[in-house]
Protein backbone atom coordinates (compact mmCIF):
# COMPACT_ATOMS: atom_id res chain seq x y z
CA MET A 1 0.00 0.00 0.00
CA ARG A 2 2.89 2.32 0.80
CA SER A 3 4.40 1.69 -2.69
CA TRP A 4 1.16 2.68 -4.37
CA GLY A 5 1.18 5.94 -2.43
CA VAL A 6 4.73 6.65 -3.49
CA LEU A 7 3.89 5.96 -7.13
CA GLY A 8 0.81 8.18 -6.93
CA GLY A 9 2.83 11.03 -5.43
CA ALA A 10 5.48 10.70 -8.11
CA ALA A 11 2.86 10.75 -10.87
CA ALA A 12 1.24 13.86 -9.37
CA ALA A 13 4.62 15.60 -9.15
CA LEU A 14 5.37 14.69 -12.77
CA ALA A 15 2.00 16.00 -13.94
CA ALA A 16 2.54 19.26 -12.03
CA GLY A 17 5.96 19.68 -13.61
CA ILE A 18 4.56 19.14 -17.10
CA TYR A 19 1.82 21.68 -16.42
CA VAL A 20 4.34 24.27 -15.20
CA LEU A 21 6.71 23.76 -18.14
CA TRP A 22 4.26 23.37 -21.04
CA GLY A 23 0.93 24.54 -19.68
CA PRO A 24 -2.40 22.70 -20.10
CA ILE A 25 -2.41 19.97 -22.74
CA SER A 26 -5.59 21.28 -24.40
CA GLY A 27 -4.08 24.75 -24.73
CA ARG A 28 -0.93 23.42 -26.36
CA LYS A 29 -2.67 21.14 -28.88
CA ARG A 30 -1.02 21.79 -32.20
CA ARG A 31 -3.10 22.29 -35.32
CA ARG A 32 -2.66 19.64 -37.95
CA ARG A 33 -0.82 20.65 -41.08
CA GLY A 34 -3.05 22.12 -43.80
CA LEU A 35 -5.92 23.11 -41.47
CA VAL A 36 -7.07 26.56 -40.36
CA PRO A 37 -7.92 27.83 -36.87
CA GLY A 38 -11.38 27.27 -35.49
CA LEU A 39 -13.55 29.85 -33.75
CA LEU A 40 -14.84 29.73 -30.21
CA ASN A 41 -18.61 29.53 -29.83
CA LEU A 42 -19.54 32.31 -27.39
CA GLY A 43 -23.05 30.99 -26.80
CA ASN A 44 -24.93 30.92 -30.10
CA THR A 45 -22.34 32.54 -32.38
CA CYS A 46 -22.11 29.77 -34.97
CA PHE A 47 -23.74 32.21 -37.43
CA MET A 48 -20.79 34.60 -37.03
CA ASN A 49 -18.15 31.87 -37.04
CA SER A 50 -19.45 30.30 -40.24
CA LEU A 51 -19.61 33.67 -42.01
CA LEU A 52 -16.08 34.63 -40.97
CA GLN A 53 -14.73 31.32 -42.28
CA GLY A 54 -16.51 31.93 -45.58
CA LEU A 55 -15.18 35.49 -45.92
CA SER A 56 -11.65 34.38 -45.08
CA SER A 57 -11.70 32.08 -48.11
CA CYS A 58 -12.06 35.08 -50.49
CA PRO A 59 -8.55 36.50 -51.15
CA SER A 60 -9.93 39.50 -53.08
CA PHE A 61 -11.90 40.65 -50.05
CA ILE A 62 -8.84 40.38 -47.79
CA ARG A 63 -6.72 42.35 -50.28
CA TRP A 64 -9.39 45.04 -50.43
CA LEU A 65 -9.41 45.29 -46.63
CA GLU A 66 -5.62 45.67 -46.64
CA GLU A 67 -5.91 48.61 -49.06
CA PHE A 68 -8.89 49.96 -47.17
CA THR A 69 -6.98 50.07 -43.88
CA ALA A 70 -3.73 51.45 -45.37
CA GLN A 71 -4.41 54.95 -44.05
CA TYR A 72 -4.95 53.66 -40.51
CA ARG A 73 -1.35 52.41 -40.39
CA THR A 74 -0.05 55.98 -40.64
CA GLU A 75 -2.54 57.14 -38.02
CA GLN A 76 -1.36 54.46 -35.58
CA GLU A 77 2.09 56.07 -35.52
CA GLN A 78 0.60 59.14 -33.87
CA PRO A 79 0.63 59.17 -30.04
CA GLN A 80 -3.05 59.94 -29.50
CA GLU A 81 -5.44 57.03 -29.03
CA GLN A 82 -7.24 56.01 -32.20
CA PRO A 83 -10.80 54.63 -32.32
CA GLN A 84 -11.31 50.96 -33.00
CA HIS A 85 -12.33 50.42 -36.63
CA LEU A 86 -14.45 47.58 -37.98
CA SER A 87 -12.24 47.14 -41.04
CA VAL A 88 -9.09 46.69 -38.94
CA THR A 89 -10.73 44.18 -36.60
CA LEU A 90 -12.24 42.23 -39.49
CA LEU A 91 -8.92 42.19 -41.35
CA GLN A 92 -7.05 40.79 -38.35
CA LEU A 93 -9.57 37.97 -37.96
CA LEU A 94 -9.64 37.08 -41.65
CA ARG A 95 -5.84 37.11 -41.94
CA ALA A 96 -5.58 34.74 -38.98
CA LEU A 97 -8.26 32.44 -40.41
CA SER A 98 -6.52 32.41 -43.79
CA CYS A 99 -3.18 31.58 -42.11
CA GLN A 100 -1.58 34.84 -43.26
CA GLU A 101 -0.81 35.55 -39.60
CA VAL A 102 0.26 32.81 -37.19
CA PRO A 103 -2.17 32.95 -34.25
CA GLU A 104 -1.10 32.11 -30.70
CA ASP A 105 -3.99 29.68 -30.29
CA ASP A 106 -5.58 27.16 -32.62
CA VAL A 107 -9.05 28.35 -31.57
CA LEU A 108 -9.68 32.08 -31.99
CA ASP A 109 -12.09 34.34 -30.13
CA ALA A 110 -14.15 36.63 -32.38
CA SER A 111 -15.85 38.55 -29.56
CA CYS A 112 -13.87 41.64 -30.62
CA LEU A 113 -16.00 41.80 -33.77
CA LEU A 114 -19.21 41.91 -31.74
CA GLU A 115 -17.77 44.69 -29.59
CA VAL A 116 -16.90 46.80 -32.64
CA LEU A 117 -20.37 46.22 -34.10
CA ARG A 118 -21.93 47.36 -30.83
CA MET A 119 -19.84 50.52 -31.08
CA ASN A 120 -21.45 51.00 -34.51
CA ARG A 121 -24.88 50.76 -32.83
CA TRP A 122 -25.56 47.16 -33.89
CA GLN A 123 -26.97 45.28 -30.90
CA ILE A 124 -26.07 41.66 -31.64
CA SER A 125 -26.32 39.27 -28.72
CA SER A 126 -23.99 36.27 -28.56
CA PHE A 127 -26.65 34.25 -26.70
CA GLU A 128 -29.44 34.60 -29.27
CA GLU A 129 -29.65 32.72 -32.55
CA GLN A 130 -29.00 35.00 -35.50
CA ASP A 131 -28.81 34.65 -39.28
CA ALA A 132 -25.49 34.51 -41.14
CA HIS A 133 -26.91 36.30 -44.19
CA GLU A 134 -28.20 39.19 -42.09
CA LEU A 135 -24.78 39.52 -40.45
CA PHE A 136 -23.20 39.64 -43.90
CA HIS A 137 -25.28 42.70 -44.77
CA VAL A 138 -24.49 44.26 -41.40
CA LEU A 139 -20.77 43.96 -42.15
CA THR A 140 -20.97 45.30 -45.72
CA SER A 141 -23.23 48.23 -44.77
CA SER A 142 -21.00 49.09 -41.80
CA LEU A 143 -17.91 49.03 -44.02
CA GLU A 144 -19.65 51.39 -46.44
CA ASP A 145 -20.56 53.72 -43.58
CA GLU A 146 -16.96 53.66 -42.38
CA ARG A 147 -15.73 54.49 -45.88
CA ASP A 148 -18.20 57.38 -46.26
CA ARG A 149 -17.11 58.88 -42.93
CA GLN A 150 -13.55 59.34 -44.14
CA PRO A 151 -12.65 62.82 -45.43
CA ARG A 152 -11.60 63.26 -49.01
CA VAL A 153 -8.10 64.76 -49.20
CA THR A 154 -7.62 67.46 -51.85
CA HIS A 155 -4.64 69.59 -52.82
CA LEU A 156 -4.57 72.78 -50.69
CA PHE A 157 -3.42 74.99 -53.59
CA ASP A 158 -6.57 74.19 -55.60
CA VAL A 159 -9.14 76.42 -53.89
CA HIS A 160 -11.77 75.79 -56.58
CA SER A 161 -11.70 72.05 -56.00
CA LEU A 162 -12.03 72.57 -52.26
CA GLU A 163 -15.27 74.45 -52.84
CA GLN A 164 -16.75 71.57 -54.83
CA PRO A 165 -18.34 68.70 -52.84
CA GLU A 166 -17.33 65.96 -55.28
CA ILE A 167 -14.54 66.37 -57.83
CA ILE A 168 -13.31 63.62 -60.11
CA GLN A 169 -9.55 63.15 -60.13
CA LYS A 170 -9.33 64.09 -63.82
CA GLN A 171 -11.10 67.41 -63.15
CA ILE A 172 -8.58 68.59 -60.56
CA SER A 173 -5.96 70.92 -61.99
CA CYS A 174 -3.07 72.74 -60.35
CA ARG A 175 -2.60 76.48 -60.92
CA THR A 176 1.13 76.22 -60.22
CA ARG A 177 1.69 74.30 -63.51
CA GLY A 178 2.82 71.31 -61.52
CA CYS A 179 1.31 67.88 -61.24
CA LEU A 180 -0.94 67.20 -58.31
CA PRO A 181 -0.12 64.27 -56.06
CA PRO A 182 -2.47 61.35 -56.65
CA VAL A 183 -5.60 61.43 -54.54
CA SER A 184 -6.09 58.19 -52.67
CA ASN A 185 -9.21 56.42 -53.85
CA HIS A 186 -9.23 53.70 -51.17
CA TRP A 187 -12.09 55.33 -49.32
CA LYS A 188 -14.21 55.78 -52.43
CA SER A 189 -13.68 52.28 -53.85
CA GLN A 190 -16.42 49.73 -53.45
CA HIS A 191 -15.89 46.42 -51.70
CA PRO A 192 -15.55 43.32 -53.91
CA PHE A 193 -19.10 42.14 -53.15
CA HIS A 194 -20.62 45.32 -54.60
CA GLY A 195 -22.62 44.80 -57.79
CA ARG A 196 -25.44 46.41 -59.73
CA LEU A 197 -28.75 45.08 -61.01
CA SER A 198 -30.14 46.41 -64.29
CA SER A 199 -33.87 46.75 -64.83
CA ASN A 200 -35.46 47.78 -68.12
CA MET A 201 -39.08 47.94 -69.20
CA VAL A 202 -40.39 47.51 -72.75
CA CYS A 203 -43.88 48.45 -73.88
CA LYS A 204 -45.74 45.51 -75.39
CA HIS A 205 -47.72 47.79 -77.71
CA CYS A 206 -45.06 50.01 -79.31
CA GLU A 207 -41.92 48.15 -78.12
CA HIS A 208 -40.54 51.37 -76.68
CA GLN A 209 -37.82 50.73 -74.11
CA SER A 210 -37.62 52.86 -71.00
CA PRO A 211 -34.22 54.00 -69.67
CA VAL A 212 -32.29 51.28 -67.89
CA ARG A 213 -32.30 51.58 -64.11
CA PHE A 214 -29.41 50.35 -61.97
CA ASP A 215 -29.69 49.27 -58.32
CA THR A 216 -26.87 48.11 -56.07
CA PHE A 217 -26.61 44.74 -54.37
CA ASP A 218 -24.15 43.01 -52.04
CA SER A 219 -25.59 39.52 -52.42
CA LEU A 220 -28.03 37.81 -54.75
CA SER A 221 -30.95 36.51 -52.69
CA LEU A 222 -32.52 33.79 -54.84
CA SER A 223 -35.86 32.18 -54.15
CA ILE A 224 -36.15 28.47 -54.86
CA PRO A 225 -38.81 27.77 -57.53
CA ALA A 226 -41.44 25.11 -57.04
CA ALA A 227 -39.95 21.69 -57.56
CA VAL A 228 -40.98 19.49 -60.47
CA TRP A 229 -41.35 15.80 -59.69
CA GLY A 230 -38.45 13.76 -61.02
CA ARG A 231 -36.37 16.81 -61.85
CA PRO A 232 -33.60 18.05 -59.55
CA MET A 233 -33.34 21.72 -58.63
CA THR A 234 -30.20 23.46 -59.86
CA LEU A 235 -28.62 26.84 -59.25
CA ASP A 236 -29.41 27.74 -62.85
CA HIS A 237 -33.13 27.30 -62.16
CA CYS A 238 -32.88 29.75 -59.26
CA LEU A 239 -30.93 32.28 -61.35
CA HIS A 240 -33.36 32.03 -64.27
CA HIS A 241 -36.26 32.44 -61.87
CA PHE A 242 -34.58 35.53 -60.41
CA ILE A 243 -34.20 37.33 -63.75
CA SER A 244 -37.35 35.98 -65.42
CA SER A 245 -39.42 38.69 -67.07
CA GLU A 246 -42.74 39.80 -65.63
CA SER A 247 -45.64 41.84 -66.98
CA VAL A 248 -46.52 45.15 -65.34
CA LYS A 249 -49.99 46.41 -66.23
CA ASP A 250 -51.46 49.90 -66.36
CA VAL A 251 -48.20 51.78 -66.96
CA VAL A 252 -48.15 55.17 -68.73
CA CYS A 253 -46.24 54.91 -72.01
CA ASP A 254 -44.95 58.28 -73.23
CA ASN A 255 -44.22 56.91 -76.69
CA CYS A 256 -47.75 55.55 -77.16
CA THR A 257 -49.14 58.87 -75.97
CA LYS A 258 -46.91 60.73 -78.44
CA ILE A 259 -48.00 58.49 -81.33
CA GLN A 260 -51.63 58.96 -80.41
CA ALA A 261 -51.18 62.75 -80.29
CA GLN A 262 -49.71 62.86 -83.80
CA GLY A 263 -52.95 61.53 -85.27
CA ILE A 264 -55.15 64.15 -83.61
CA LEU A 265 -55.69 67.51 -85.26
CA ASN A 266 -56.52 70.96 -83.84
CA GLY A 267 -54.22 70.39 -80.86
CA GLN A 268 -56.81 68.49 -78.89
CA SER A 269 -55.51 67.15 -75.59
CA ILE A 270 -55.51 63.41 -75.06
CA GLU A 271 -55.17 61.26 -72.01
CA ASN A 272 -51.99 59.42 -71.20
CA GLN A 273 -51.94 56.03 -72.85
CA ARG A 274 -51.63 53.18 -70.37
CA THR A 275 -50.30 49.86 -71.61
CA THR A 276 -48.62 46.72 -70.33
CA PHE A 277 -44.85 46.69 -69.95
CA VAL A 278 -42.48 43.73 -69.74
CA LYS A 279 -39.94 44.16 -66.96
CA GLN A 280 -36.60 42.37 -67.38
CA LEU A 281 -34.05 42.08 -64.59
CA LYS A 282 -30.39 41.30 -65.26
CA LEU A 283 -26.99 41.87 -63.71
CA GLY A 284 -25.60 45.21 -64.81
CA LYS A 285 -22.27 44.91 -62.96
CA LEU A 286 -20.96 41.61 -61.67
CA PRO A 287 -18.77 41.85 -58.55
CA GLN A 288 -15.37 40.30 -58.04
CA CYS A 289 -16.74 38.25 -55.12
CA LEU A 290 -20.25 36.89 -55.54
CA CYS A 291 -22.36 35.94 -52.53
CA ILE A 292 -25.49 33.93 -53.36
CA HIS A 293 -28.17 33.49 -50.71
CA LEU A 294 -30.68 30.68 -51.23
CA GLN A 295 -33.95 31.63 -49.54
CA ARG A 296 -35.06 28.62 -47.55
CA LEU A 297 -37.86 30.36 -45.66
CA SER A 298 -41.41 29.49 -46.70
CA TRP A 299 -44.82 29.91 -45.09
CA SER A 300 -47.51 27.35 -44.49
CA ASN A 301 -51.20 27.92 -45.11
CA GLN A 302 -51.60 28.68 -41.40
CA GLY A 303 -48.92 31.41 -41.59
CA THR A 304 -46.19 29.53 -39.72
CA PRO A 305 -42.60 29.71 -41.00
CA LEU A 306 -41.16 26.57 -42.57
CA LYS A 307 -37.71 25.70 -43.85
CA ARG A 308 -37.18 24.26 -47.30
CA HIS A 309 -34.72 21.39 -47.08
CA GLU A 310 -34.46 20.40 -50.75
CA HIS A 311 -31.00 20.22 -52.26
CA VAL A 312 -30.07 22.83 -54.88
CA GLN A 313 -27.35 21.47 -57.13
CA PHE A 314 -24.39 23.77 -57.80
CA ASN A 315 -20.96 23.41 -59.38
CA GLU A 316 -17.40 24.28 -58.52
CA PHE A 317 -17.44 26.75 -61.43
CA LEU A 318 -20.20 29.23 -62.20
CA VAL A 319 -20.71 30.91 -65.59
CA MET A 320 -22.67 34.18 -65.37
CA ASP A 321 -22.39 35.44 -68.96
CA ILE A 322 -26.03 34.78 -69.88
CA TYR A 323 -27.24 36.74 -66.84
CA LYS A 324 -25.13 39.84 -67.62
CA TYR A 325 -26.86 42.89 -69.06
CA ARG A 326 -25.39 44.04 -72.36
CA VAL A 327 -26.11 47.06 -74.47
CA PRO A 328 -28.03 45.95 -77.60
CA GLY A 329 -25.56 45.28 -80.39
CA PRO A 330 -24.23 42.44 -82.52
CA LYS A 331 -25.53 39.02 -81.57
CA SER A 332 -23.43 36.99 -79.21
CA CYS A 333 -22.19 33.50 -79.88
CA GLN A 334 -24.81 32.11 -77.54
CA GLU A 335 -27.55 33.66 -79.68
CA GLN A 336 -25.90 32.33 -82.84
CA LEU A 337 -25.84 28.85 -81.33
CA SER A 338 -29.48 29.13 -80.39
CA GLN A 339 -30.29 29.92 -84.03
CA LYS A 340 -28.14 27.04 -85.33
CA ASN A 341 -29.26 24.40 -82.85
CA PRO A 342 -32.34 25.63 -81.02
CA GLU A 343 -32.93 22.18 -79.54
CA GLU A 344 -29.47 22.02 -77.91
CA THR A 345 -29.33 25.37 -76.17
CA THR A 346 -29.49 25.94 -72.47
CA PRO A 347 -33.04 25.81 -71.09
CA GLY A 348 -34.56 29.21 -70.63
CA ILE A 349 -32.70 31.06 -73.41
CA LYS A 350 -34.97 32.76 -75.89
CA ASP A 351 -33.61 35.34 -78.33
CA GLY A 352 -30.67 35.98 -76.04
CA ARG A 353 -32.93 36.61 -73.05
CA ALA A 354 -32.94 34.37 -70.03
CA GLY A 355 -36.27 33.07 -68.88
CA LYS A 356 -37.61 30.41 -66.60
CA PRO A 357 -36.59 27.00 -67.95
CA SER A 358 -39.23 24.42 -68.65
CA ASP A 359 -39.28 20.79 -69.67
CA ALA A 360 -40.88 21.69 -72.97
CA GLU A 361 -37.81 23.70 -73.96
CA GLN A 362 -35.54 20.70 -73.41
CA PRO A 363 -36.62 17.76 -75.56
CA ALA A 364 -35.99 14.24 -74.36
CA GLY A 365 -32.60 12.84 -75.20
CA THR A 366 -30.80 16.19 -75.42
CA LYS A 367 -28.43 17.75 -72.92
CA PRO A 368 -27.84 21.44 -72.20
CA LEU A 369 -24.64 23.04 -73.40
CA PHE A 370 -23.78 24.04 -69.84
CA MET A 371 -25.72 24.33 -66.62
CA ASN A 372 -24.66 25.85 -63.30
CA GLY A 373 -25.67 22.72 -61.43
CA ALA A 374 -25.67 19.04 -62.25
CA SER A 375 -27.62 17.73 -65.23
CA SER A 376 -30.97 16.04 -64.91
CA SER A 377 -29.31 12.74 -64.07
CA SER A 378 -26.30 12.44 -61.83
CA SER A 379 -25.15 9.33 -63.65
CA SER A 380 -25.26 10.99 -67.03
CA SER A 381 -23.87 14.36 -65.94
CA PRO A 382 -20.68 15.45 -67.70
CA SER A 383 -17.57 14.65 -65.73
CA PHE A 384 -16.17 18.16 -66.04
CA LEU A 385 -18.98 19.52 -63.86
CA MET A 386 -17.51 17.68 -60.89
CA SER A 387 -13.87 18.17 -61.80
CA PRO A 388 -11.74 20.04 -59.25
CA GLY A 389 -9.41 21.36 -61.95
CA THR A 390 -9.64 24.37 -64.18
CA PHE A 391 -12.75 25.10 -66.20
CA PRO A 392 -12.76 23.05 -69.42
CA LEU A 393 -13.23 25.28 -72.43
CA ALA A 394 -13.91 22.28 -74.65
CA ALA A 395 -17.53 22.59 -73.55
CA PHE A 396 -17.72 25.74 -75.69
CA PRO A 397 -16.27 24.63 -79.04
CA GLU A 398 -17.89 27.41 -81.04
CA CYS A 399 -17.73 30.20 -78.45
CA ARG A 400 -15.00 32.20 -76.84
CA ALA A 401 -14.09 31.56 -73.23
CA PRO A 402 -16.60 32.76 -70.60
CA LEU A 403 -15.94 36.32 -69.52
CA TYR A 404 -17.67 35.98 -66.17
CA LEU A 405 -16.38 32.74 -64.74
CA TYR A 406 -16.51 32.20 -60.98
CA ARG A 407 -14.89 29.60 -58.77
CA LEU A 408 -16.52 28.27 -55.62
CA MET A 409 -14.66 29.35 -52.47
CA ALA A 410 -16.98 28.53 -49.55
CA VAL A 411 -20.41 27.10 -48.71
CA VAL A 412 -22.34 27.93 -45.54
CA VAL A 413 -24.86 25.27 -44.49
CA HIS A 414 -27.63 25.53 -41.91
CA HIS A 415 -28.75 22.39 -40.07
CA GLY A 416 -32.04 22.46 -38.23
CA ASP A 417 -35.37 24.24 -38.64
CA MET A 418 -36.52 27.86 -38.60
CA HIS A 419 -36.49 28.05 -34.79
CA SER A 420 -33.16 26.46 -33.95
CA GLY A 421 -30.17 25.01 -35.72
CA HIS A 422 -26.47 25.22 -36.34
CA PHE A 423 -24.28 26.79 -39.06
CA VAL A 424 -21.23 25.03 -40.52
CA THR A 425 -18.90 26.00 -43.36
CA PHE A 426 -17.15 24.24 -46.20
CA ARG A 427 -14.21 26.32 -47.41
CA ARG A 428 -11.05 26.01 -49.44
CA ALA A 429 -7.76 25.61 -47.63
CA PRO A 430 -5.66 28.78 -48.04
CA GLY A 431 -2.49 29.08 -50.05
CA ALA A 432 -1.17 26.38 -52.34
CA ARG A 433 -3.66 23.87 -50.92
CA GLY A 434 -6.56 25.62 -52.65
CA SER A 435 -7.81 22.32 -54.05
CA GLN A 436 -8.24 20.94 -50.52
CA TRP A 437 -11.60 21.54 -48.87
CA LEU A 438 -12.23 21.88 -45.14
CA TRP A 439 -15.32 21.31 -43.00
CA ILE A 440 -15.54 23.73 -40.06
CA SER A 441 -18.01 23.76 -37.19
CA ASP A 442 -16.91 26.38 -34.64
CA GLU A 443 -13.77 24.87 -33.05
CA SER A 444 -13.85 21.61 -35.05
CA VAL A 445 -11.90 21.55 -38.32
CA ARG A 446 -11.38 18.56 -40.60
CA ARG A 447 -10.66 17.82 -44.24
CA ALA A 448 -13.50 17.31 -46.69
CA SER A 449 -13.87 16.19 -50.30
CA LEU A 450 -15.31 18.17 -53.18
CA HIS A 451 -18.04 15.55 -53.54
CA GLU A 452 -19.10 16.22 -49.93
CA VAL A 453 -19.14 19.96 -50.61
CA LEU A 454 -21.31 19.69 -53.74
CA ALA A 455 -23.72 17.39 -51.91
CA ALA A 456 -24.32 19.93 -49.12
CA SER A 457 -27.63 21.75 -48.74
CA ALA A 458 -26.24 25.25 -49.30
CA TYR A 459 -27.55 28.37 -47.60
CA LEU A 460 -24.80 30.80 -48.67
CA LEU A 461 -22.45 30.33 -51.63
CA PHE A 462 -19.27 32.36 -51.96
CA TYR A 463 -17.78 32.55 -55.46
CA GLU A 464 -14.77 34.52 -56.67
CA ARG A 465 -14.22 35.55 -60.24
CA VAL A 466 -11.25 34.01 -62.03
CA HIS A 467 -9.58 36.04 -64.77
CA GLY A 468 -8.12 34.03 -67.62
CA ARG A 469 -7.22 31.04 -65.49
CA GLY A 470 -6.87 28.09 -67.83
CA GLN A 471 -8.18 30.19 -70.70
CA PRO A 472 -6.23 30.52 -73.95
CA GLN A 473 -5.21 34.04 -74.77
CA SER A 474 -6.59 35.70 -77.84
CA PRO A 475 -4.19 37.05 -80.48
CA ALA A 476 -4.82 40.59 -79.26
CA GLN A 477 -3.95 39.64 -75.67
CA SER A 478 -0.88 37.64 -76.62
């Protein structure tokens, strides 16, 4: 019995020595090679953790934050205390999550982000369940407010430009015959998620087109169309449904009124002619980083909220050319293909306009040229849709390479119902391991396969535009 006591005392002394020298074992657990840090759950902050992991997988957004915060680095050299900025806090977190900065711990604490948001009058509790998409808009709108609060620096010798509220750089001239120093445009540049929607209306009677209207967006919030039995739902169906044309009745048409007035003599007054317009929505400016939100909220007949659990198929690469607004001009190659082989074109393309796809537009036995989502049968889907490599241009033998090609960077998934649940993230590993995918749930991080990513029930999709990657250069470019 005495020997057991001696052994127990020796073991306790050894454990105490290890604790003093190396600290607690859990705190010194080393992160496996190729993984990223996890994020501590502060109560119910999985919505914030999943969003931060998704944003950290977008290198363009991190580079923009580095340029955005460049002026703060010079201000930090001054002795007076500087206010805490959202952009600086967000950049530090994203750099640590993308392994650009080596953190002290393998599990990070993002409570500093909540504190900065509270300073910006956003009351976000860490103990209440929140939505990752709503937090995304809180961050982008707060960054825009921070940018707009910054003063615009102008040359002191140019008094005229100081009197003008907004002067374009090209309009500023120096009266001393010298060149002005370049005006920093970091504070006036938009973040990479900033895009514009184009909306135009055409009169059905006289075919007069109203001026195109542009509205800004930070994310595309797509509703999921009603499912058709035996047909899987794809991301293309959601995009076509988003930009599908709609009829607007009882709209005053100035052109119809003008035509009617020309046929009336003696200057008699006529009433404004009201006709039906066709409203078409497209993407006027595509952002560098594209955030797609799949609306999974629906309502029952009794008015209770329900979650839609169906899987929306998406690909590693996303082609957005057919959804881009273009000024009317020469016909594109897609329109030429639709005239050559109208039975082989992508569902929903009519006269170069995207509409809601239907089974009648896709005869049996034919396959679409390309779809942003798997084909109607997973067994017969082209292999390049699931390929982790570069986008294969052989799918477009008669067309030039896609101009608006996006690569999947992260997927945010919500498990649960409308009242409770949990957010997790699939994201690319940073650096040279960009082909490796990771599954992250707060502190837990493990490797994942591309097949597992594409099989996830996505809530948020983060894409980043690729410029000329794997695309042959044209003679003009070479």
